[in-house]
């Protein structure tokens, strides 16, 4: 599928592969996309994004200007997808891009918050193993007394040693695991070995984490875009294990953290509780081999272009139905939604089919497709509402909606129509929001009247209702 976007489409900046030789066999270096990210770059382009290549080696060497020399000037919003970067180098990347008229959608401060444990720990304290940390420099281990004080709150519990970003789990016994936090000699030995192995790659200092026992179902990695779970899959280390974590409490913490693009790694503790074992910046978190990248990049393109993945007001939440999920709904599948009647209603399937055909034709515009109407508190999918297409040249846009039989008569359609029309009417492209009903469909007409539409006459045998675009349109709460 291909997607048409407005001029503010995001650009994806992928790490390059400096080892690729030039055509013709010359020895001069040619930078191309790193093969590790080739499938992701293709998914980004199919979702409507532009792509460019970052000279990762030049950035790490301190030459940020050369690193971004292949990025088009005035490219606008940028998502980075590539190899892990120290926070300082990421800040240099942001500055170099800004000098070319580009804006990283994850700021240097946001990157550090998600990438380094001290930035996210307090928000996730109740959901993740107890932790403490001590800053130190490479090659300079903390004093044993300072380590003992850091370990004291853990009593005699086992610990895991890491820095602010990574552990040495492949050297578990010598550089990661401490069976007894009160064993100061063993603690100092493990920390010393960890620091020796990390060398100059040490980030921040030493972190002590309470060791918790997890089941063998495998870890799940969840990709969050603007507070919404855009992709749920296995951890890259265990691609064959696909657990289904409970995200109820995790979603609240992610939204409290307030970052646009993050990942959470979850494991099932032996007592049956899902625990957050790691939070990361989504730009540098690895995808498992064989994962379907499309839902993630569709969400990133939509969010990066400035359109909502979710609109929320009162008890109603409208969740964007992006092309890959729309194709599943069009086939009658739940597509990850908990439908009140077990499956999407027939008219919703038809609306999803229209979105899919538009994407295949290249005329789909993020933000102007279908939304699944859900109960904001319970998460139950009740129906759908959306646009028949993007605004035309005169600023005219038409909406339609559908409810599952069990959801009718409770005011859901009114609230959803008011919410979507309010968002559209406040948009600078829109002059008129329209909805059409059959003359005999009095309940639908009452819905539109209660939602703030006014009757404007007959059109081709249908009754037309409109809301005018205006600067003072009703405020809309958008999850970003």
Protein backbone atom coordinates (compact mmCIF):
# COMPACT_ATOMS: atom_id res chain seq x y z
CA UNK A 1 0.00 0.00 0.00
CA UNK A 2 1.11 3.56 -0.64
CA UNK A 3 -0.12 6.65 1.15
CA UNK A 4 -0.57 10.24 0.05
CA UNK A 5 0.55 12.85 2.57
CA UNK A 6 0.46 16.59 2.92
CA UNK A 7 3.70 18.58 2.76
CA UNK A 8 4.36 18.04 6.46
CA UNK A 9 5.03 14.31 6.07
CA UNK A 10 7.79 13.12 8.41
CA UNK A 11 11.21 12.06 7.23
CA UNK A 12 12.80 8.90 8.62
CA UNK A 13 16.53 9.06 9.17
CA UNK A 14 18.10 5.58 9.10
CA UNK A 15 21.63 4.60 10.09
CA UNK A 16 23.83 4.05 7.05
CA UNK A 17 26.08 1.18 6.10
CA UNK A 18 29.59 2.60 5.56
CA UNK A 19 30.94 -0.74 4.29
CA UNK A 20 28.91 -0.75 1.08
CA UNK A 21 31.34 -0.28 -1.86
CA UNK A 22 30.67 2.16 -4.67
CA UNK A 23 29.36 0.83 -7.96
CA UNK A 24 32.16 0.25 -10.40
CA UNK A 25 34.45 -1.29 -7.81
CA UNK A 26 36.21 1.88 -6.63
CA UNK A 27 37.46 1.93 -3.08
CA UNK A 28 35.82 5.27 -2.25
CA UNK A 29 33.22 4.94 0.47
CA UNK A 30 29.55 5.14 -0.46
CA UNK A 31 27.00 5.41 2.31
CA UNK A 32 23.78 3.48 1.82
CA UNK A 33 21.04 2.22 4.11
CA UNK A 34 22.29 -0.30 6.63
CA UNK A 35 20.82 -3.67 5.53
CA UNK A 36 19.62 -4.16 9.10
CA UNK A 37 17.09 -1.35 8.53
CA UNK A 38 16.20 -2.04 4.89
CA UNK A 39 12.80 -3.60 5.63
CA UNK A 40 11.93 -0.76 8.01
CA UNK A 41 12.89 1.86 5.42
CA UNK A 42 10.64 0.15 2.87
CA UNK A 43 7.76 0.10 5.38
CA UNK A 44 8.29 3.80 6.11
CA UNK A 45 8.19 4.71 2.43
CA UNK A 46 5.10 2.56 1.83
CA UNK A 47 3.40 4.41 4.68
CA UNK A 48 4.07 7.75 2.98
CA UNK A 49 7.30 8.91 4.58
CA UNK A 50 10.48 10.16 3.00
CA UNK A 51 13.76 8.53 4.06
CA UNK A 52 17.38 9.62 4.32
CA UNK A 53 20.65 8.12 5.55
CA UNK A 54 22.71 9.12 8.57
CA UNK A 55 26.48 8.63 8.64
CA UNK A 56 26.53 6.92 12.03
CA UNK A 57 30.31 6.66 12.17
CA UNK A 58 30.77 10.37 11.47
CA UNK A 59 28.29 11.23 14.22
CA UNK A 60 30.06 9.04 16.77
CA UNK A 61 33.35 10.64 15.71
CA UNK A 62 31.94 14.06 16.57
CA UNK A 63 31.27 15.34 13.04
CA UNK A 64 27.49 15.82 13.18
CA UNK A 65 27.45 18.20 10.21
CA UNK A 66 28.97 15.55 7.93
CA UNK A 67 26.74 12.88 9.46
CA UNK A 68 23.58 14.64 8.23
CA UNK A 69 24.95 15.93 4.92
CA UNK A 70 22.64 13.59 2.98
CA UNK A 71 19.50 14.86 4.73
CA UNK A 72 17.44 17.21 2.52
CA UNK A 73 17.29 20.77 3.80
CA UNK A 74 13.99 22.04 5.21
CA UNK A 75 12.74 18.44 5.48
CA UNK A 76 10.59 19.29 8.51
CA UNK A 77 9.74 16.69 11.18
CA UNK A 78 12.15 13.76 11.56
CA UNK A 79 12.03 10.37 13.26
CA UNK A 80 15.42 8.69 13.77
CA UNK A 81 15.61 4.90 13.40
CA UNK A 82 19.05 3.48 13.88
CA UNK A 83 21.76 2.30 16.19
CA UNK A 84 21.91 3.40 19.81
CA UNK A 85 23.48 6.80 20.44
CA UNK A 86 24.95 8.34 23.60
CA UNK A 87 22.70 11.16 24.77
CA UNK A 88 25.36 13.76 24.01
CA UNK A 89 25.74 12.59 20.41
CA UNK A 90 21.97 12.57 20.01
CA UNK A 91 21.89 16.23 21.12
CA UNK A 92 24.55 17.01 18.50
CA UNK A 93 22.43 15.23 15.89
CA UNK A 94 19.42 17.36 16.86
CA UNK A 95 21.44 20.55 16.53
CA UNK A 96 22.89 19.56 13.15
CA UNK A 97 19.44 18.73 11.82
CA UNK A 98 18.00 21.98 13.14
CA UNK A 99 20.70 23.85 11.21
CA UNK A 100 19.34 22.19 8.04
CA UNK A 101 15.74 23.17 8.82
CA UNK A 102 14.77 19.79 10.25
CA UNK A 103 13.24 18.95 13.63
CA UNK A 104 13.68 15.71 15.52
CA UNK A 105 10.26 14.70 16.86
CA UNK A 106 12.00 13.27 19.94
CA UNK A 107 13.95 16.06 21.63
CA UNK A 108 17.36 15.43 23.25
CA UNK A 109 15.73 15.72 26.69
CA UNK A 110 13.01 13.22 25.74
CA UNK A 111 15.61 10.84 24.31
CA UNK A 112 17.62 10.86 27.52
CA UNK A 113 14.48 10.36 29.63
CA UNK A 114 13.47 7.20 27.79
CA UNK A 115 16.96 5.91 27.06
CA UNK A 116 18.47 6.12 30.56
CA UNK A 117 16.92 4.43 33.60
CA UNK A 118 17.06 7.45 35.95
CA UNK A 119 14.85 9.33 33.49
CA UNK A 120 11.94 6.87 33.49
CA UNK A 121 12.29 4.96 36.76
CA UNK A 122 10.19 7.16 39.04
CA UNK A 123 7.21 7.04 36.67
CA UNK A 124 7.38 3.23 36.52
CA UNK A 125 8.48 2.62 40.11
CA UNK A 126 5.42 0.52 41.01
CA UNK A 127 5.70 -1.58 37.82
CA UNK A 128 9.42 -2.35 37.69
CA UNK A 129 12.05 -3.94 39.98
CA UNK A 130 13.40 -1.75 42.79
CA UNK A 131 16.47 0.17 41.62
CA UNK A 132 19.18 2.52 42.81
CA UNK A 133 22.06 4.14 40.97
CA UNK A 134 25.39 5.84 41.49
CA UNK A 135 27.09 8.02 38.85
CA UNK A 136 30.67 7.12 37.98
CA UNK A 137 33.08 7.46 35.08
CA UNK A 138 34.58 4.66 32.94
CA UNK A 139 37.51 3.01 34.69
CA UNK A 140 36.67 4.58 38.07
CA UNK A 141 34.64 2.12 40.19
CA UNK A 142 32.68 3.54 43.12
CA UNK A 143 34.23 3.17 46.55
CA UNK A 144 33.14 -0.08 48.30
CA UNK A 145 31.52 1.97 51.08
CA UNK A 146 29.43 3.89 48.54
CA UNK A 147 28.37 0.63 46.91
CA UNK A 148 27.40 -0.80 50.28
CA UNK A 149 25.20 2.24 50.98
CA UNK A 150 23.59 1.89 47.55
CA UNK A 151 22.86 -1.79 48.21
CA UNK A 152 21.60 -1.35 51.79
CA UNK A 153 17.88 -0.80 50.89
CA UNK A 154 17.84 -4.21 49.16
CA UNK A 155 18.69 -6.14 52.35
CA UNK A 156 19.92 -9.61 51.44
CA UNK A 157 17.96 -9.85 48.18
CA UNK A 158 19.74 -10.81 44.94
CA UNK A 159 20.70 -7.99 42.57
CA UNK A 160 21.43 -7.34 38.92
CA UNK A 161 24.20 -4.88 38.02
CA UNK A 162 23.94 -2.68 34.91
CA UNK A 163 24.60 0.88 33.82
CA UNK A 164 21.92 3.44 32.99
CA UNK A 165 21.21 1.69 29.65
CA UNK A 166 22.55 -1.86 29.43
CA UNK A 167 23.58 -4.93 31.42
CA UNK A 168 26.15 -7.65 30.70
CA UNK A 169 23.66 -10.51 30.81
CA UNK A 170 25.87 -12.68 28.63
CA UNK A 171 28.49 -12.54 31.41
CA UNK A 172 25.84 -13.24 34.03
CA UNK A 173 27.86 -14.74 36.86
CA UNK A 174 30.91 -12.52 36.61
CA UNK A 175 29.47 -9.13 35.62
CA UNK A 176 25.70 -9.04 36.25
CA UNK A 177 24.34 -11.19 39.09
CA UNK A 178 24.87 -10.69 42.83
CA UNK A 179 23.11 -13.44 44.90
CA UNK A 180 23.11 -11.40 48.13
CA UNK A 181 23.03 -7.60 48.23
CA UNK A 182 24.63 -7.70 51.70
CA UNK A 183 27.71 -9.52 50.34
CA UNK A 184 29.74 -6.38 49.77
CA UNK A 185 32.83 -8.24 48.56
CA UNK A 186 30.90 -10.05 45.82
CA UNK A 187 29.06 -6.85 44.93
CA UNK A 188 32.33 -4.93 44.52
CA UNK A 189 33.78 -7.77 42.42
CA UNK A 190 30.80 -7.91 40.04
CA UNK A 191 30.64 -4.13 39.70
CA UNK A 192 34.38 -3.98 39.04
CA UNK A 193 34.16 -6.63 36.33
CA UNK A 194 31.11 -4.96 34.79
CA UNK A 195 32.94 -1.64 34.54
CA UNK A 196 36.02 -3.32 33.07
CA UNK A 197 33.97 -4.95 30.35
CA UNK A 198 31.97 -1.82 29.55
CA UNK A 199 35.12 0.28 29.25
CA UNK A 200 34.40 3.60 27.50
CA UNK A 201 30.87 2.46 26.63
CA UNK A 202 29.73 2.86 30.24
CA UNK A 203 26.67 5.11 30.37
CA UNK A 204 26.04 7.25 33.46
CA UNK A 205 27.28 4.93 36.19
CA UNK A 206 26.23 1.85 38.12
CA UNK A 207 22.62 0.71 38.57
CA UNK A 208 21.54 -1.96 41.05
CA UNK A 209 18.23 -3.68 40.27
CA UNK A 210 16.35 -6.14 42.47
CA UNK A 211 16.40 -9.58 40.86
CA UNK A 212 12.93 -10.98 40.16
CA UNK A 213 12.07 -14.43 38.82
CA UNK A 214 10.06 -14.55 35.63
CA UNK A 215 8.25 -17.34 33.82
CA UNK A 216 9.45 -18.85 30.56
CA UNK A 217 6.72 -17.30 28.37
CA UNK A 218 9.24 -14.78 27.04
CA UNK A 219 9.42 -11.01 27.08
CA UNK A 220 7.10 -8.78 25.09
CA UNK A 221 8.20 -5.51 23.54
CA UNK A 222 5.48 -2.89 23.15
CA UNK A 223 5.96 0.11 20.88
CA UNK A 224 4.10 3.23 22.01
CA UNK A 225 3.40 6.21 19.74
CA UNK A 226 1.74 9.21 21.36
CA UNK A 227 0.65 7.01 24.27
CA UNK A 228 -0.96 4.33 22.08
CA UNK A 229 0.37 0.75 21.70
CA UNK A 230 1.18 0.79 17.98
CA UNK A 231 2.84 -2.64 17.92
CA UNK A 232 3.02 -5.52 20.41
CA UNK A 233 5.51 -8.24 19.62
CA UNK A 234 8.21 -10.50 21.00
CA UNK A 235 11.51 -9.27 22.35
CA UNK A 236 14.22 -9.38 19.65
CA UNK A 237 16.19 -11.88 21.77
CA UNK A 238 13.28 -14.38 21.78
CA UNK A 239 11.41 -13.85 18.48
CA UNK A 240 9.75 -17.25 18.70
CA UNK A 241 7.96 -16.45 21.98
CA UNK A 242 4.90 -14.21 21.67
CA UNK A 243 3.34 -13.44 25.05
CA UNK A 244 0.23 -11.25 25.38
CA UNK A 245 0.85 -8.84 28.26
CA UNK A 246 -1.77 -6.93 30.21
CA UNK A 247 -1.13 -3.26 29.36
CA UNK A 248 -3.69 -1.61 31.63
CA UNK A 249 -1.28 -0.13 34.18
CA UNK A 250 1.61 0.18 31.75
CA UNK A 251 -0.45 2.38 29.43
CA UNK A 252 -1.16 4.80 32.27
CA UNK A 253 2.54 5.05 33.11
CA UNK A 254 3.55 5.55 29.47
CA UNK A 255 1.04 8.39 29.12
CA UNK A 256 2.25 9.93 32.38
CA UNK A 257 5.82 9.81 31.06
CA UNK A 258 4.55 11.94 28.18
CA UNK A 259 7.04 10.94 25.49
CA UNK A 260 6.02 10.48 21.87
CA UNK A 261 7.88 7.30 20.90
CA UNK A 262 9.00 4.76 23.51
CA UNK A 263 9.17 1.01 24.06
CA UNK A 264 8.47 -1.08 27.13
CA UNK A 265 9.80 -4.59 27.64
CA UNK A 266 7.54 -6.71 29.84
CA UNK A 267 8.02 -10.08 31.53
CA UNK A 268 5.59 -12.25 33.51
CA UNK A 269 6.75 -12.68 37.09
CA UNK A 270 6.26 -16.06 38.74
CA UNK A 271 3.34 -14.67 40.77
CA UNK A 272 1.46 -13.86 37.54
CA UNK A 273 2.14 -10.10 37.51
CA UNK A 274 3.44 -8.43 34.34
CA UNK A 275 6.51 -6.32 35.12
CA UNK A 276 8.29 -3.63 33.12
CA UNK A 277 11.89 -4.79 32.86
CA UNK A 278 13.04 -1.99 30.57
CA UNK A 279 11.89 1.27 29.01
CA UNK A 280 13.61 2.54 25.88
CA UNK A 281 13.55 5.24 23.26
CA UNK A 282 11.64 3.82 20.30
CA UNK A 283 14.11 5.25 17.80
CA UNK A 284 16.90 2.91 18.93
CA UNK A 285 14.94 -0.14 20.13
CA UNK A 286 15.34 -3.24 17.99
CA UNK A 287 12.49 -4.93 16.15
CA UNK A 288 12.45 -8.75 16.14
CA UNK A 289 13.33 -10.48 12.89
CA UNK A 290 10.23 -11.27 10.87
CA UNK A 291 7.98 -8.74 12.61
CA UNK A 292 5.33 -6.95 10.56
CA UNK A 293 6.62 -3.39 10.64
CA UNK A 294 3.66 -1.80 8.88
CA UNK A 295 1.43 -0.91 11.87
CA UNK A 296 4.31 0.81 13.64
CA UNK A 297 5.34 2.92 10.66
CA UNK A 298 1.75 3.81 9.80
CA UNK A 299 1.37 5.12 13.35
CA UNK A 300 4.67 7.02 13.22
CA UNK A 301 3.80 8.59 9.87
CA UNK A 302 0.36 9.65 11.11
CA UNK A 303 1.69 11.08 14.38
CA UNK A 304 4.71 12.66 12.70
CA UNK A 305 2.48 14.44 10.18
CA UNK A 306 0.61 16.02 13.09
CA UNK A 307 -2.55 13.89 13.11
CA UNK A 308 -4.00 12.17 16.18
CA UNK A 309 -3.93 8.45 16.81
CA UNK A 310 -6.61 9.00 19.44
CA UNK A 311 -9.26 11.66 20.06
CA UNK A 312 -10.79 11.63 23.54
CA UNK A 313 -13.59 13.59 25.16
CA UNK A 314 -15.64 12.49 28.15
CA UNK A 315 -16.50 8.81 27.92
CA UNK A 316 -15.66 8.51 24.19
CA UNK A 317 -12.29 7.63 22.68
CA UNK A 318 -11.81 7.50 18.90
CA UNK A 319 -8.83 5.39 17.84
CA UNK A 320 -7.46 5.78 14.33
CA UNK A 321 -7.91 2.64 12.23
CA UNK A 322 -4.73 2.67 10.13
CA UNK A 323 -4.47 0.77 6.81
CA UNK A 324 -2.98 -2.54 8.02
CA UNK A 325 -5.53 -2.91 10.82
CA UNK A 326 -8.29 -1.63 8.52
CA UNK A 327 -7.59 -4.51 6.15
CA UNK A 328 -8.20 -6.96 8.98
CA UNK A 329 -11.40 -5.23 10.07
CA UNK A 330 -12.59 -5.25 6.46
CA UNK A 331 -12.27 -9.04 6.61
CA UNK A 332 -14.39 -9.14 9.78
CA UNK A 333 -11.47 -9.71 12.17
CA UNK A 334 -11.32 -7.98 15.58
CA UNK A 335 -7.84 -6.60 14.69
CA UNK A 336 -6.90 -6.22 18.34
CA UNK A 337 -10.13 -4.49 19.41
CA UNK A 338 -12.58 -5.86 21.97
CA UNK A 339 -15.85 -5.47 20.02
CA UNK A 340 -19.02 -5.28 22.09
CA UNK A 341 -20.77 -7.82 19.85
CA UNK A 342 -17.68 -9.94 19.23
CA UNK A 343 -16.84 -8.62 15.75
CA UNK A 344 -16.94 -5.29 13.89
CA UNK A 345 -20.40 -4.44 12.52
CA UNK A 346 -20.97 -4.83 8.80
CA UNK A 347 -21.01 -1.13 8.02
CA UNK A 348 -17.75 -0.67 9.90
CA UNK A 349 -16.24 -3.43 7.75
CA UNK A 350 -17.39 -1.53 4.68
CA UNK A 351 -15.85 1.73 5.90
CA UNK A 352 -12.59 -0.07 6.59
CA UNK A 353 -12.65 -1.46 3.04
CA UNK A 354 -12.89 2.08 1.67
CA UNK A 355 -9.81 3.09 3.69
CA UNK A 356 -7.89 0.07 2.39
CA UNK A 357 -8.79 0.81 -1.23
CA UNK A 358 -7.71 4.43 -0.76
CA UNK A 359 -4.36 3.29 0.65
CA UNK A 360 -3.81 0.90 -2.26
CA UNK A 361 -4.62 3.70 -4.70
CA UNK A 362 -2.29 6.11 -2.90
CA UNK A 363 -5.10 8.52 -2.01
CA UNK A 364 -5.38 7.69 1.70
CA UNK A 365 -4.54 10.66 3.92
CA UNK A 366 -3.58 10.02 7.57
CA UNK A 367 -5.97 11.79 9.90
CA UNK A 368 -8.86 11.65 7.43
CA UNK A 369 -9.78 7.98 7.55
CA UNK A 370 -11.74 5.74 9.91
CA UNK A 371 -11.73 5.78 13.72
CA UNK A 372 -12.91 2.96 15.97
CA UNK A 373 -15.39 4.35 18.50
CA UNK A 374 -14.50 2.97 21.93
CA UNK A 375 -15.62 3.32 25.52
CA UNK A 376 -12.76 5.39 26.94
CA UNK A 377 -12.96 3.71 30.36
CA UNK A 378 -13.50 0.07 29.39
CA UNK A 379 -11.78 0.08 26.00
CA UNK A 380 -14.70 -1.75 24.38
CA UNK A 381 -15.12 -1.12 20.63
CA UNK A 382 -18.68 0.06 19.96
CA UNK A 383 -18.59 0.97 16.27
CA UNK A 384 -16.81 3.38 13.96
CA UNK A 385 -16.88 6.93 12.73
CA UNK A 386 -14.78 8.61 10.11
CA UNK A 387 -14.38 10.67 6.98
CA UNK A 388 -15.34 9.72 3.45
CA UNK A 389 -12.03 11.25 2.40
CA UNK A 390 -9.80 14.26 3.09
CA UNK A 391 -11.15 17.81 2.71
CA UNK A 392 -11.62 18.83 -0.91
CA UNK A 393 -10.33 22.03 -2.49
CA UNK A 394 -13.25 24.01 -1.04
CA UNK A 395 -12.66 22.73 2.50
CA UNK A 396 -15.66 20.38 2.44
CA UNK A 397 -15.40 17.07 4.31
CA UNK A 398 -18.08 14.44 4.97
CA UNK A 399 -18.38 12.09 7.95
CA UNK A 400 -20.29 8.88 8.56
CA UNK A 401 -20.72 6.60 11.57
CA UNK A 402 -21.97 3.18 12.60
CA UNK A 403 -22.70 1.46 15.92
CA UNK A 404 -22.85 -2.19 16.89
CA UNK A 405 -26.46 -3.15 17.75
CA UNK A 406 -25.68 -3.54 21.46
CA UNK A 407 -24.29 0.00 21.65
CA UNK A 408 -27.25 1.83 20.13
CA UNK A 409 -29.55 4.13 22.05
CA UNK A 410 -27.03 5.17 24.70
CA UNK A 411 -25.76 8.42 23.19
CA UNK A 412 -22.43 7.08 21.91
CA UNK A 413 -22.97 8.24 18.33
CA UNK A 414 -23.89 11.77 19.44
CA UNK A 415 -20.73 12.14 21.52
CA UNK A 416 -18.56 10.65 18.80
CA UNK A 417 -20.02 12.88 16.07
CA UNK A 418 -19.60 15.96 18.25
CA UNK A 419 -15.98 15.03 18.98
CA UNK A 420 -14.94 14.26 15.40
CA UNK A 421 -16.80 17.21 13.89
CA UNK A 422 -15.26 19.53 16.49
CA UNK A 423 -11.77 18.34 15.63
CA UNK A 424 -12.37 18.66 11.89
CA UNK A 425 -14.04 22.07 12.12
CA UNK A 426 -11.06 23.43 14.06
CA UNK A 427 -8.65 22.20 11.39
CA UNK A 428 -7.34 24.91 9.04
CA UNK A 429 -8.18 22.89 5.93
CA UNK A 430 -11.88 22.61 6.77
CA UNK A 431 -14.70 25.04 6.03
CA UNK A 432 -17.64 22.65 6.24
CA UNK A 433 -18.25 19.30 7.95
CA UNK A 434 -21.20 17.46 6.44
CA UNK A 435 -23.24 14.33 7.23
CA UNK A 436 -26.00 12.84 5.08
CA UNK A 437 -28.92 10.68 6.22
CA UNK A 438 -31.83 8.90 4.61
CA UNK A 439 -35.06 10.96 4.98
CA UNK A 440 -36.68 8.18 7.04
CA UNK A 441 -33.71 7.76 9.38
CA UNK A 442 -35.04 10.02 12.12
CA UNK A 443 -32.79 8.59 14.91
CA UNK A 444 -29.67 9.50 12.90
CA UNK A 445 -31.03 12.98 12.29
CA UNK A 446 -31.57 13.45 16.03
CA UNK A 447 -27.99 12.30 16.65
CA UNK A 448 -26.65 14.97 14.31
CA UNK A 449 -28.85 17.69 15.76
CA UNK A 450 -27.71 16.86 19.29
CA UNK A 451 -24.09 16.83 18.07
CA UNK A 452 -24.41 20.44 16.86
CA UNK A 453 -25.16 19.94 13.16
CA UNK A 454 -27.87 21.96 11.45
CA UNK A 455 -30.14 20.85 8.63
CA UNK A 456 -29.27 22.65 5.36
CA UNK A 457 -31.58 20.95 2.84
CA UNK A 458 -31.88 17.96 0.53
CA UNK A 459 -29.04 16.60 -1.62
CA UNK A 460 -29.73 13.85 -4.13
CA UNK A 461 -32.62 12.59 -2.04
CA UNK A 462 -30.72 12.69 1.26
CA UNK A 463 -31.02 15.11 4.17
CA UNK A 464 -27.82 17.15 4.63
CA UNK A 465 -26.54 18.40 7.98
CA UNK A 466 -23.51 20.64 8.42
CA UNK A 467 -21.14 22.19 10.94
CA UNK A 468 -19.13 25.19 9.80
CA UNK A 469 -15.41 25.38 10.37
CA UNK A 470 -14.60 28.13 12.86
CA UNK A 471 -11.72 29.35 15.01
CA UNK A 472 -13.91 28.96 18.11
CA UNK A 473 -14.78 25.29 17.45
CA UNK A 474 -15.36 23.20 20.58
CA UNK A 475 -12.09 22.19 22.29
CA UNK A 476 -10.98 18.63 21.65
CA UNK A 477 -8.74 16.57 23.94
CA UNK A 478 -6.16 14.77 21.81
CA UNK A 479 -3.79 12.14 23.26
CA UNK A 480 -0.32 13.18 22.12
